[in-house]
Amino acid sequence: AAMMPGITATRDQLKIFVGGLAQHTTKQTLDQYFSQFGYADSFVMQDKATGRSRGFGFVNFTDRMVMEAV
């Protein structure tokens, strides 16, 4: 299927890295912060053994303009 002009970004192209997160940062608090700019779906990377935050995560956006504004 052909891509429509202007709709060529893949999901990875609309993802940003967020580092230096506090231990108490959760998906909910990250989503809440970034949603002030537009739709954002985040995830905080966790240690598989302990379940604790690894101090970084990613935020996925659906709009390139929103991502670039951040």
N, C-alpha and C. Protein backbone atom coordinates (compact mmCIF):
# COMPACT_ATOMS: atom_id res chain seq x y z
N ALA A 1 0.84 -1.19 0.00
CA ALA A 1 0.00 0.00 0.00
C ALA A 1 0.88 1.24 0.00
N ALA A 2 0.53 2.20 -0.80
CA ALA A 2 1.31 3.43 -0.89
C ALA A 2 1.01 4.33 0.31
N MET A 3 2.03 5.03 0.75
CA MET A 3 1.86 5.96 1.86
C MET A 3 1.29 7.27 1.33
N MET A 4 0.45 7.89 2.10
CA MET A 4 -0.09 9.19 1.73
C MET A 4 0.97 10.25 1.97
N PRO A 5 1.07 11.25 1.13
CA PRO A 5 2.03 12.32 1.37
C PRO A 5 1.80 12.94 2.76
N GLY A 6 2.89 13.15 3.50
CA GLY A 6 2.77 13.74 4.82
C GLY A 6 2.52 12.74 5.92
N ILE A 7 2.24 11.49 5.56
CA ILE A 7 2.01 10.46 6.57
C ILE A 7 3.07 9.36 6.38
N THR A 8 4.32 9.79 6.39
CA THR A 8 5.40 8.84 6.12
C THR A 8 6.20 8.50 7.37
N ALA A 9 5.93 9.16 8.48
CA ALA A 9 6.70 8.91 9.70
C ALA A 9 6.34 7.56 10.29
N THR A 10 7.36 6.82 10.69
CA THR A 10 7.12 5.57 11.39
C THR A 10 7.02 5.88 12.87
N ARG A 11 6.60 4.90 13.63
CA ARG A 11 6.44 5.10 15.08
C ARG A 11 7.77 5.51 15.71
N ASP A 12 8.87 4.89 15.30
CA ASP A 12 10.17 5.22 15.89
C ASP A 12 10.60 6.65 15.60
N GLN A 13 10.14 7.22 14.50
CA GLN A 13 10.50 8.59 14.17
C GLN A 13 9.75 9.59 15.03
N LEU A 14 8.72 9.15 15.72
CA LEU A 14 7.93 10.03 16.57
C LEU A 14 8.15 9.68 18.05
N LYS A 15 9.35 9.17 18.36
CA LYS A 15 9.69 8.74 19.71
C LYS A 15 10.88 9.55 20.21
N ILE A 16 10.79 10.00 21.46
CA ILE A 16 11.93 10.69 22.05
C ILE A 16 12.40 9.93 23.29
N PHE A 17 13.68 10.06 23.58
CA PHE A 17 14.29 9.51 24.78
C PHE A 17 14.18 10.54 25.89
N VAL A 18 13.84 10.09 27.10
CA VAL A 18 13.79 10.97 28.26
C VAL A 18 14.66 10.33 29.34
N GLY A 19 15.74 11.01 29.71
CA GLY A 19 16.66 10.46 30.72
C GLY A 19 16.60 11.25 32.01
N GLY A 20 17.28 10.74 33.01
CA GLY A 20 17.36 11.41 34.30
C GLY A 20 16.06 11.43 35.07
N LEU A 21 15.23 10.41 34.88
CA LEU A 21 13.94 10.37 35.57
C LEU A 21 14.14 10.02 37.05
N ALA A 22 13.34 10.64 37.90
CA ALA A 22 13.34 10.32 39.33
C ALA A 22 12.77 8.91 39.52
N GLN A 23 13.14 8.26 40.60
CA GLN A 23 12.66 6.91 40.88
C GLN A 23 11.14 6.84 40.98
N HIS A 24 10.50 7.91 41.42
CA HIS A 24 9.04 7.90 41.58
C HIS A 24 8.29 8.23 40.29
N THR A 25 9.00 8.49 39.19
CA THR A 25 8.33 8.80 37.92
C THR A 25 7.67 7.53 37.38
N THR A 26 6.41 7.68 36.96
CA THR A 26 5.65 6.55 36.40
C THR A 26 5.17 6.90 35.00
N LYS A 27 4.62 5.91 34.32
CA LYS A 27 4.01 6.14 33.01
C LYS A 27 2.95 7.24 33.13
N GLN A 28 2.15 7.18 34.18
CA GLN A 28 1.07 8.14 34.36
C GLN A 28 1.60 9.57 34.51
N THR A 29 2.65 9.75 35.33
CA THR A 29 3.17 11.11 35.53
C THR A 29 3.88 11.62 34.27
N LEU A 30 4.54 10.72 33.55
CA LEU A 30 5.20 11.12 32.30
C LEU A 30 4.15 11.49 31.25
N ASP A 31 3.11 10.67 31.11
CA ASP A 31 2.01 10.99 30.18
C ASP A 31 1.37 12.32 30.54
N GLN A 32 1.14 12.54 31.83
CA GLN A 32 0.49 13.77 32.29
C GLN A 32 1.33 14.99 31.90
N TYR A 33 2.63 14.91 32.09
CA TYR A 33 3.49 16.04 31.75
C TYR A 33 3.48 16.31 30.24
N PHE A 34 3.75 15.29 29.45
CA PHE A 34 3.89 15.50 28.00
C PHE A 34 2.56 15.74 27.30
N SER A 35 1.44 15.38 27.91
CA SER A 35 0.14 15.60 27.27
C SER A 35 -0.22 17.08 27.20
N GLN A 36 0.50 17.94 27.92
CA GLN A 36 0.24 19.38 27.78
C GLN A 36 0.61 19.87 26.39
N PHE A 37 1.43 19.11 25.67
CA PHE A 37 1.85 19.50 24.32
C PHE A 37 0.99 18.85 23.24
N GLY A 38 0.29 17.78 23.58
CA GLY A 38 -0.50 17.01 22.63
C GLY A 38 -0.53 15.56 23.08
N TYR A 39 -1.08 14.69 22.26
CA TYR A 39 -1.16 13.28 22.64
C TYR A 39 0.23 12.70 22.85
N ALA A 40 0.43 12.01 23.97
CA ALA A 40 1.70 11.37 24.27
C ALA A 40 1.45 10.04 24.96
N ASP A 41 2.18 9.02 24.54
CA ASP A 41 2.11 7.70 25.16
C ASP A 41 3.53 7.34 25.58
N SER A 42 3.76 7.26 26.88
CA SER A 42 5.12 7.06 27.37
C SER A 42 5.30 5.70 28.02
N PHE A 43 6.55 5.35 28.22
CA PHE A 43 6.86 4.20 29.04
C PHE A 43 8.20 4.41 29.73
N VAL A 44 8.24 3.97 30.98
CA VAL A 44 9.43 4.09 31.81
C VAL A 44 10.09 2.72 31.83
N MET A 45 11.38 2.68 31.51
CA MET A 45 12.10 1.41 31.50
C MET A 45 12.32 0.96 32.94
N GLN A 46 12.04 -0.32 33.20
CA GLN A 46 12.15 -0.86 34.55
C GLN A 46 13.12 -2.04 34.58
N ASP A 47 13.77 -2.19 35.72
CA ASP A 47 14.64 -3.33 35.95
C ASP A 47 13.75 -4.57 36.09
N LYS A 48 14.02 -5.59 35.29
CA LYS A 48 13.16 -6.78 35.31
C LYS A 48 13.20 -7.51 36.65
N ALA A 49 14.34 -7.50 37.30
CA ALA A 49 14.49 -8.22 38.57
C ALA A 49 13.79 -7.51 39.73
N THR A 50 13.91 -6.18 39.79
CA THR A 50 13.39 -5.44 40.95
C THR A 50 12.10 -4.70 40.67
N GLY A 51 11.81 -4.43 39.39
CA GLY A 51 10.62 -3.66 39.04
C GLY A 51 10.81 -2.16 39.24
N ARG A 52 12.00 -1.75 39.65
CA ARG A 52 12.28 -0.32 39.87
C ARG A 52 12.63 0.36 38.56
N SER A 53 12.39 1.67 38.53
CA SER A 53 12.73 2.46 37.36
C SER A 53 14.23 2.42 37.10
N ARG A 54 14.59 2.37 35.82
CA ARG A 54 16.00 2.43 35.45
C ARG A 54 16.43 3.88 35.20
N GLY A 55 15.52 4.83 35.42
CA GLY A 55 15.86 6.24 35.32
C GLY A 55 15.73 6.85 33.93
N PHE A 56 15.15 6.08 33.01
CA PHE A 56 14.92 6.64 31.67
C PHE A 56 13.69 5.99 31.06
N GLY A 57 13.23 6.62 29.98
CA GLY A 57 12.06 6.10 29.28
C GLY A 57 11.95 6.73 27.91
N PHE A 58 10.82 6.51 27.29
CA PHE A 58 10.56 7.02 25.95
C PHE A 58 9.14 7.56 25.89
N VAL A 59 8.93 8.52 25.01
CA VAL A 59 7.59 9.07 24.80
C VAL A 59 7.28 8.99 23.31
N ASN A 60 6.17 8.38 22.98
CA ASN A 60 5.70 8.29 21.59
C ASN A 60 4.66 9.37 21.35
N PHE A 61 4.78 10.03 20.22
CA PHE A 61 3.83 11.06 19.81
C PHE A 61 3.14 10.61 18.53
N THR A 62 1.98 11.18 18.24
CA THR A 62 1.28 10.88 16.99
C THR A 62 1.43 12.02 16.00
N ASP A 63 1.98 13.16 16.44
CA ASP A 63 2.09 14.34 15.60
C ASP A 63 3.52 14.86 15.62
N ARG A 64 4.15 14.92 14.47
CA ARG A 64 5.55 15.38 14.37
C ARG A 64 5.70 16.80 14.92
N MET A 65 4.71 17.67 14.68
CA MET A 65 4.80 19.06 15.15
C MET A 65 4.87 19.10 16.68
N VAL A 66 4.10 18.24 17.33
CA VAL A 66 4.11 18.19 18.79
C VAL A 66 5.48 17.70 19.26
N MET A 67 5.98 16.64 18.65
CA MET A 67 7.27 16.09 19.05
C MET A 67 8.37 17.13 18.89
N GLU A 68 8.38 17.85 17.78
CA GLU A 68 9.43 18.84 17.53
C GLU A 68 9.29 20.04 18.46
N ALA A 69 8.07 20.34 18.93
CA ALA A 69 7.87 21.45 19.86
C ALA A 69 8.44 21.12 21.24
N VAL A 70 8.45 19.84 21.57
CA VAL A 70 8.96 19.40 22.86
C VAL A 70 10.47 19.48 22.81
